[in-house]
Amino acid sequence: MKKFVFLHLGFEKPTPEIMQAWGAWFESISDKMVDQGGFSNGREISKSGTRDLPMNMESITGYNVIEAESLDAAEKLAQNNPFIASIRIYEVRSK
């Protein structure tokens, strides 16, 4: 099995309906999930300096690490995700 990271983008104030949809989705992938977490305050550091990152539709708000056979299989797991703006999937490279 390969590992993939799902990056969740976009923030809006959670409602009970949003929280219920996320709970159902987490349950639907629980047998494939390795790790998960959420983000709040952040900063971006670049050659032009440092800036605080707001929580908005461009924010990375959370992640899941899942196991799947392929990128296509990982995408199928993400299809029913109740994302706010989008979800990005990256394969984790092995050492």
N, C-alpha and C. Protein backbone atom coordinates (compact mmCIF):
# COMPACT_ATOMS: atom_id res chain seq x y z
N MET A 1 0.83 -1.19 0.00
CA MET A 1 0.00 0.00 0.00
C MET A 1 0.87 1.25 0.00
N LYS A 2 0.41 2.25 -0.69
CA LYS A 2 1.09 3.54 -0.73
C LYS A 2 0.40 4.49 0.24
N LYS A 3 1.11 5.54 0.64
CA LYS A 3 0.52 6.55 1.49
C LYS A 3 0.28 7.82 0.69
N PHE A 4 -0.83 8.48 1.01
CA PHE A 4 -1.22 9.72 0.35
C PHE A 4 -1.63 10.72 1.41
N VAL A 5 -1.35 11.99 1.13
CA VAL A 5 -1.78 13.08 2.00
C VAL A 5 -2.90 13.83 1.30
N PHE A 6 -3.99 14.02 2.02
CA PHE A 6 -5.07 14.89 1.56
C PHE A 6 -4.89 16.22 2.27
N LEU A 7 -4.80 17.29 1.53
CA LEU A 7 -4.74 18.64 2.10
C LEU A 7 -6.08 19.31 1.85
N HIS A 8 -6.72 19.76 2.91
CA HIS A 8 -8.03 20.39 2.82
C HIS A 8 -7.86 21.90 2.76
N LEU A 9 -8.44 22.52 1.76
CA LEU A 9 -8.33 23.97 1.58
C LEU A 9 -9.69 24.64 1.74
N GLY A 10 -9.65 25.81 2.35
CA GLY A 10 -10.84 26.62 2.52
C GLY A 10 -11.38 26.58 3.93
N PHE A 11 -11.81 27.73 4.40
CA PHE A 11 -12.39 27.83 5.74
C PHE A 11 -13.67 28.63 5.70
N GLU A 12 -14.66 28.12 6.39
CA GLU A 12 -15.87 28.88 6.71
C GLU A 12 -16.31 28.40 8.08
N LYS A 13 -17.04 29.24 8.78
CA LYS A 13 -17.47 28.90 10.13
C LYS A 13 -18.26 27.60 10.10
N PRO A 14 -17.84 26.60 10.89
CA PRO A 14 -18.53 25.31 10.87
C PRO A 14 -19.98 25.43 11.38
N THR A 15 -20.85 24.73 10.70
CA THR A 15 -22.24 24.61 11.13
C THR A 15 -22.46 23.16 11.57
N PRO A 16 -23.54 22.88 12.27
CA PRO A 16 -23.81 21.47 12.61
C PRO A 16 -23.88 20.57 11.38
N GLU A 17 -24.42 21.08 10.28
CA GLU A 17 -24.51 20.28 9.06
C GLU A 17 -23.13 19.97 8.48
N ILE A 18 -22.24 20.98 8.49
CA ILE A 18 -20.88 20.76 8.00
C ILE A 18 -20.17 19.74 8.89
N MET A 19 -20.30 19.89 10.19
CA MET A 19 -19.64 18.96 11.12
C MET A 19 -20.17 17.54 10.95
N GLN A 20 -21.46 17.39 10.73
CA GLN A 20 -22.05 16.07 10.51
C GLN A 20 -21.51 15.45 9.22
N ALA A 21 -21.41 16.25 8.16
CA ALA A 21 -20.89 15.74 6.88
C ALA A 21 -19.45 15.30 7.02
N TRP A 22 -18.63 16.09 7.73
CA TRP A 22 -17.23 15.71 7.95
C TRP A 22 -17.13 14.43 8.78
N GLY A 23 -17.94 14.33 9.83
CA GLY A 23 -17.93 13.12 10.66
C GLY A 23 -18.26 11.88 9.86
N ALA A 24 -19.26 11.99 8.99
CA ALA A 24 -19.64 10.86 8.14
C ALA A 24 -18.52 10.49 7.18
N TRP A 25 -17.85 11.51 6.63
CA TRP A 25 -16.75 11.22 5.69
C TRP A 25 -15.58 10.57 6.41
N PHE A 26 -15.21 11.10 7.60
CA PHE A 26 -14.12 10.48 8.37
C PHE A 26 -14.44 9.02 8.67
N GLU A 27 -15.67 8.74 9.03
CA GLU A 27 -16.07 7.35 9.29
C GLU A 27 -15.94 6.49 8.05
N SER A 28 -16.27 7.05 6.88
CA SER A 28 -16.23 6.28 5.63
C SER A 28 -14.82 5.90 5.21
N ILE A 29 -13.81 6.64 5.67
CA ILE A 29 -12.42 6.31 5.30
C ILE A 29 -11.61 5.81 6.50
N SER A 30 -12.26 5.53 7.62
CA SER A 30 -11.53 5.19 8.85
C SER A 30 -10.62 3.97 8.70
N ASP A 31 -10.99 3.01 7.86
CA ASP A 31 -10.15 1.82 7.69
C ASP A 31 -8.92 2.09 6.83
N LYS A 32 -8.86 3.24 6.16
CA LYS A 32 -7.71 3.62 5.32
C LYS A 32 -6.85 4.71 5.96
N MET A 33 -7.35 5.34 7.03
CA MET A 33 -6.68 6.50 7.61
C MET A 33 -5.52 6.09 8.52
N VAL A 34 -4.39 6.78 8.33
CA VAL A 34 -3.19 6.58 9.14
C VAL A 34 -3.05 7.70 10.17
N ASP A 35 -3.38 8.94 9.75
CA ASP A 35 -3.23 10.11 10.62
C ASP A 35 -4.14 11.21 10.09
N GLN A 36 -4.47 12.15 10.97
CA GLN A 36 -5.25 13.32 10.56
C GLN A 36 -5.00 14.46 11.52
N GLY A 37 -5.25 15.67 11.07
CA GLY A 37 -5.10 16.83 11.93
C GLY A 37 -5.66 18.06 11.26
N GLY A 38 -5.79 19.10 12.06
CA GLY A 38 -6.30 20.37 11.56
C GLY A 38 -5.32 21.48 11.88
N PHE A 39 -5.48 22.60 11.21
CA PHE A 39 -4.60 23.75 11.39
C PHE A 39 -5.40 24.96 11.83
N SER A 40 -4.72 25.87 12.52
CA SER A 40 -5.32 27.16 12.85
C SER A 40 -4.35 28.24 12.44
N ASN A 41 -3.85 29.02 13.36
CA ASN A 41 -2.95 30.13 13.01
C ASN A 41 -1.70 29.63 12.28
N GLY A 42 -1.23 30.43 11.32
CA GLY A 42 -0.03 30.05 10.58
C GLY A 42 0.70 31.27 10.05
N ARG A 43 1.92 31.01 9.58
CA ARG A 43 2.74 32.05 8.96
C ARG A 43 3.40 31.49 7.72
N GLU A 44 3.62 32.40 6.79
CA GLU A 44 4.37 32.07 5.58
C GLU A 44 5.69 32.83 5.65
N ILE A 45 6.77 32.09 5.43
CA ILE A 45 8.11 32.69 5.44
C ILE A 45 8.67 32.56 4.03
N SER A 46 9.10 33.69 3.46
CA SER A 46 9.66 33.69 2.11
C SER A 46 10.83 34.67 2.07
N LYS A 47 11.46 34.78 0.92
CA LYS A 47 12.59 35.70 0.77
C LYS A 47 12.17 37.15 0.97
N SER A 48 10.88 37.44 0.77
CA SER A 48 10.41 38.82 0.95
C SER A 48 9.96 39.10 2.38
N GLY A 49 10.03 38.10 3.25
CA GLY A 49 9.68 38.31 4.65
C GLY A 49 8.69 37.29 5.17
N THR A 50 8.09 37.64 6.29
CA THR A 50 7.13 36.76 6.96
C THR A 50 5.78 37.46 7.02
N ARG A 51 4.72 36.67 6.82
CA ARG A 51 3.38 37.23 6.95
C ARG A 51 2.48 36.23 7.65
N ASP A 52 1.56 36.75 8.47
CA ASP A 52 0.56 35.90 9.10
C ASP A 52 -0.42 35.43 8.04
N LEU A 53 -0.87 34.20 8.18
CA LEU A 53 -1.82 33.63 7.24
C LEU A 53 -3.23 33.67 7.81
N PRO A 54 -4.15 34.31 7.13
CA PRO A 54 -5.53 34.36 7.61
C PRO A 54 -6.24 33.03 7.36
N MET A 55 -7.30 32.79 8.08
CA MET A 55 -8.15 31.62 7.81
C MET A 55 -9.21 32.09 6.83
N ASN A 56 -9.08 31.64 5.57
CA ASN A 56 -10.02 32.03 4.53
C ASN A 56 -10.13 30.90 3.51
N MET A 57 -10.66 31.19 2.35
CA MET A 57 -10.88 30.15 1.35
C MET A 57 -9.58 29.63 0.72
N GLU A 58 -8.46 30.31 0.93
CA GLU A 58 -7.18 29.85 0.40
C GLU A 58 -6.34 29.11 1.45
N SER A 59 -6.83 29.02 2.67
CA SER A 59 -6.07 28.40 3.76
C SER A 59 -6.05 26.88 3.65
N ILE A 60 -4.92 26.30 4.03
CA ILE A 60 -4.86 24.86 4.24
C ILE A 60 -5.34 24.65 5.67
N THR A 61 -6.45 23.97 5.83
CA THR A 61 -7.09 23.87 7.13
C THR A 61 -6.94 22.52 7.81
N GLY A 62 -6.50 21.50 7.07
CA GLY A 62 -6.33 20.19 7.69
C GLY A 62 -5.72 19.21 6.72
N TYR A 63 -5.45 18.03 7.25
CA TYR A 63 -4.84 16.97 6.44
C TYR A 63 -5.30 15.61 6.92
N ASN A 64 -5.20 14.64 6.03
CA ASN A 64 -5.36 13.22 6.35
C ASN A 64 -4.23 12.50 5.66
N VAL A 65 -3.69 11.50 6.31
CA VAL A 65 -2.76 10.57 5.66
C VAL A 65 -3.53 9.26 5.55
N ILE A 66 -3.63 8.76 4.33
CA ILE A 66 -4.38 7.53 4.10
C ILE A 66 -3.51 6.53 3.34
N GLU A 67 -3.93 5.28 3.38
CA GLU A 67 -3.28 4.24 2.59
C GLU A 67 -4.22 3.83 1.47
N ALA A 68 -3.65 3.73 0.28
CA ALA A 68 -4.42 3.31 -0.89
C ALA A 68 -3.47 2.66 -1.89
N GLU A 69 -4.02 1.92 -2.81
CA GLU A 69 -3.21 1.22 -3.82
C GLU A 69 -2.59 2.17 -4.85
N SER A 70 -3.30 3.28 -5.14
CA SER A 70 -2.84 4.17 -6.22
C SER A 70 -3.43 5.56 -6.01
N LEU A 71 -2.95 6.50 -6.80
CA LEU A 71 -3.51 7.85 -6.77
C LEU A 71 -4.99 7.82 -7.17
N ASP A 72 -5.34 6.99 -8.12
CA ASP A 72 -6.75 6.87 -8.53
C ASP A 72 -7.61 6.36 -7.38
N ALA A 73 -7.10 5.37 -6.64
CA ALA A 73 -7.85 4.84 -5.49
C ALA A 73 -7.98 5.89 -4.39
N ALA A 74 -6.92 6.67 -4.17
CA ALA A 74 -6.97 7.75 -3.19
C ALA A 74 -8.00 8.79 -3.61
N GLU A 75 -8.03 9.11 -4.90
CA GLU A 75 -9.00 10.08 -5.39
C GLU A 75 -10.42 9.61 -5.15
N LYS A 76 -10.67 8.32 -5.33
CA LYS A 76 -12.02 7.79 -5.09
C LYS A 76 -12.43 7.98 -3.63
N LEU A 77 -11.47 7.83 -2.71
CA LEU A 77 -11.77 8.05 -1.29
C LEU A 77 -12.11 9.51 -1.02
N ALA A 78 -11.51 10.40 -1.78
CA ALA A 78 -11.73 11.84 -1.58
C ALA A 78 -13.00 12.36 -2.28
N GLN A 79 -13.56 11.59 -3.18
CA GLN A 79 -14.70 12.07 -3.98
C GLN A 79 -15.87 12.54 -3.14
N ASN A 80 -16.13 11.89 -2.01
CA ASN A 80 -17.28 12.25 -1.18
C ASN A 80 -16.91 13.19 -0.04
N ASN A 81 -15.70 13.72 -0.07
CA ASN A 81 -15.25 14.65 0.96
C ASN A 81 -16.07 15.93 0.89
N PRO A 82 -16.56 16.42 2.04
CA PRO A 82 -17.36 17.65 2.03
C PRO A 82 -16.48 18.90 2.06
N PHE A 83 -15.52 18.97 1.15
CA PHE A 83 -14.54 20.06 1.15
C PHE A 83 -15.21 21.42 1.06
N ILE A 84 -14.51 22.42 1.60
CA ILE A 84 -15.02 23.78 1.59
C ILE A 84 -14.62 24.46 0.27
N ALA A 85 -13.31 24.52 -0.03
CA ALA A 85 -12.86 25.09 -1.31
C ALA A 85 -12.38 23.98 -2.24
N SER A 86 -11.47 23.13 -1.75
CA SER A 86 -10.97 22.01 -2.55
C SER A 86 -10.20 21.06 -1.65
N ILE A 87 -9.78 19.96 -2.23
CA ILE A 87 -8.92 19.00 -1.56
C ILE A 87 -7.81 18.64 -2.54
N ARG A 88 -6.59 18.60 -2.04
CA ARG A 88 -5.43 18.22 -2.87
C ARG A 88 -4.89 16.90 -2.35
N ILE A 89 -4.44 16.06 -3.27
CA ILE A 89 -3.92 14.74 -2.92
C ILE A 89 -2.50 14.63 -3.42
N TYR A 90 -1.61 14.22 -2.53
CA TYR A 90 -0.21 14.00 -2.89
C TYR A 90 0.22 12.62 -2.41
N GLU A 91 0.96 11.91 -3.28
CA GLU A 91 1.55 10.64 -2.87
C GLU A 91 2.78 10.93 -2.01
N VAL A 92 2.94 10.19 -0.93
CA VAL A 92 4.10 10.33 -0.06
C VAL A 92 5.21 9.46 -0.63
N ARG A 93 6.35 10.07 -0.91
CA ARG A 93 7.48 9.30 -1.45
C ARG A 93 8.14 8.50 -0.35
N SER A 94 8.55 7.30 -0.69
CA SER A 94 9.30 6.46 0.25
C SER A 94 10.75 6.89 0.25
N LYS A 95 11.45 6.51 1.29
CA LYS A 95 12.88 6.84 1.38
C LYS A 95 13.68 6.10 0.37
